[in-house]
Amino acid sequence: VLKSLPRVEGRPGASLPPMDFQVLEKQLRDAHGDEITPEDVMSAAMYPKVFQEFKEFTRTFGPVDCLDTRLFLDGPKIAEEFE
C-alpha cells in the first residue's frame, strides 16, 4: 500500500513537539474572550483552522448549538418559525 512512501514507526504523534494546553488556552482567551471551555481548547489543539472558522462563524451569526441538525444544515423552510 505504501509503495515508496516513508513508513511511520511507533505512535504517529510521537514525533510532534509537546503542546502546552495552558498556553493554548490563554491564547484562545486573548483572541476570543473568557467564554473558552476545555472542549474549545481540545478542538483548537486538534483542528486549529476549523476552530478558528467556527469562532468567526459564531461571532457573525450567533450561537448555533441550540439549533437542531436540519435547521443548521438546510435552513428553515419558507415561512417556518422556530426558536
Protein backbone atom coordinates (compact mmCIF):
# COMPACT_ATOMS: atom_id res chain seq x y z
CA VAL A 1 0.00 0.00 0.00
CA LEU A 2 2.74 2.49 0.93
CA LYS A 3 4.99 1.53 -2.01
CA SER A 4 7.86 4.04 -1.87
CA LEU A 5 6.28 6.35 0.76
CA PRO A 6 8.02 6.56 4.14
CA ARG A 7 6.66 4.34 6.88
CA VAL A 8 5.75 5.74 10.32
CA GLU A 9 7.27 3.65 13.07
CA GLY A 10 5.73 3.79 16.53
CA ARG A 11 2.97 6.12 17.67
CA PRO A 12 2.10 8.64 14.92
CA GLY A 13 2.08 11.67 17.23
CA ALA A 14 5.34 10.81 18.98
CA SER A 15 7.35 12.95 16.58
CA LEU A 16 5.23 16.07 17.23
CA PRO A 17 6.51 18.67 19.69
CA PRO A 18 4.74 18.72 23.08
CA MET A 19 1.76 21.07 23.39
CA ASP A 20 1.22 23.32 26.39
CA PHE A 21 -2.55 23.39 26.80
CA GLN A 22 -2.42 26.19 29.37
CA VAL A 23 -0.60 28.44 26.90
CA LEU A 24 -3.07 27.50 24.17
CA GLU A 25 -5.99 28.29 26.48
CA LYS A 26 -4.51 31.71 27.29
CA GLN A 27 -4.05 32.42 23.57
CA LEU A 28 -7.65 31.43 22.88
CA ARG A 29 -8.95 33.58 25.75
CA ASP A 30 -6.93 36.55 24.47
CA ALA A 31 -8.33 36.06 20.96
CA HIS A 32 -11.93 35.07 21.76
CA GLY A 33 -12.73 36.18 25.31
CA ASP A 34 -13.29 34.32 28.55
CA GLU A 35 -16.02 32.00 27.27
CA ILE A 36 -13.43 29.40 26.18
CA THR A 37 -14.21 25.91 27.51
CA PRO A 38 -11.91 22.89 27.94
CA GLU A 39 -13.63 21.40 24.88
CA ASP A 40 -12.69 24.52 22.89
CA VAL A 41 -9.05 24.09 23.89
CA MET A 42 -9.04 20.47 22.72
CA SER A 43 -10.83 21.38 19.48
CA ALA A 44 -8.32 24.14 18.77
CA ALA A 45 -5.43 21.78 19.51
CA MET A 46 -6.67 19.10 17.11
CA TYR A 47 -8.29 21.27 14.42
CA PRO A 48 -6.92 24.84 14.68
CA LYS A 49 -8.23 26.11 11.32
CA VAL A 50 -11.69 24.59 11.76
CA PHE A 51 -11.90 26.01 15.30
CA GLN A 52 -10.94 29.49 14.07
CA GLU A 53 -13.56 29.34 11.30
CA PHE A 54 -16.20 28.18 13.78
CA LYS A 55 -15.44 31.04 16.18
CA GLU A 56 -15.65 33.54 13.31
CA PHE A 57 -18.96 31.99 12.21
CA THR A 58 -20.48 32.20 15.70
CA ARG A 59 -19.21 35.76 16.10
CA THR A 60 -21.06 36.70 12.91
CA PHE A 61 -24.23 34.62 13.26
CA GLY A 62 -24.51 33.95 16.98
CA PRO A 63 -24.70 30.63 18.81
CA VAL A 64 -25.83 27.67 16.74
CA ASP A 65 -25.65 24.93 19.36
CA CYS A 66 -29.36 25.37 20.11
CA LEU A 67 -30.43 24.63 16.51
CA ASP A 68 -31.38 21.12 15.52
CA THR A 69 -29.34 19.49 12.79
CA ARG A 70 -31.83 20.04 9.97
CA LEU A 71 -32.18 23.76 10.67
CA PHE A 72 -28.42 24.18 10.91
CA LEU A 73 -27.58 22.26 7.72
CA ASP A 74 -30.60 23.02 5.50
CA GLY A 75 -32.01 26.20 6.99
CA PRO A 76 -35.68 26.84 7.71
CA LYS A 77 -38.40 26.16 5.17
CA ILE A 78 -40.27 29.13 3.69
CA ALA A 79 -42.48 30.71 6.40
CA GLU A 80 -41.24 28.22 9.03
CA GLU A 81 -40.91 29.66 12.51
CA PHE A 82 -38.52 28.32 15.14
CA GLU A 83 -36.91 29.38 18.40
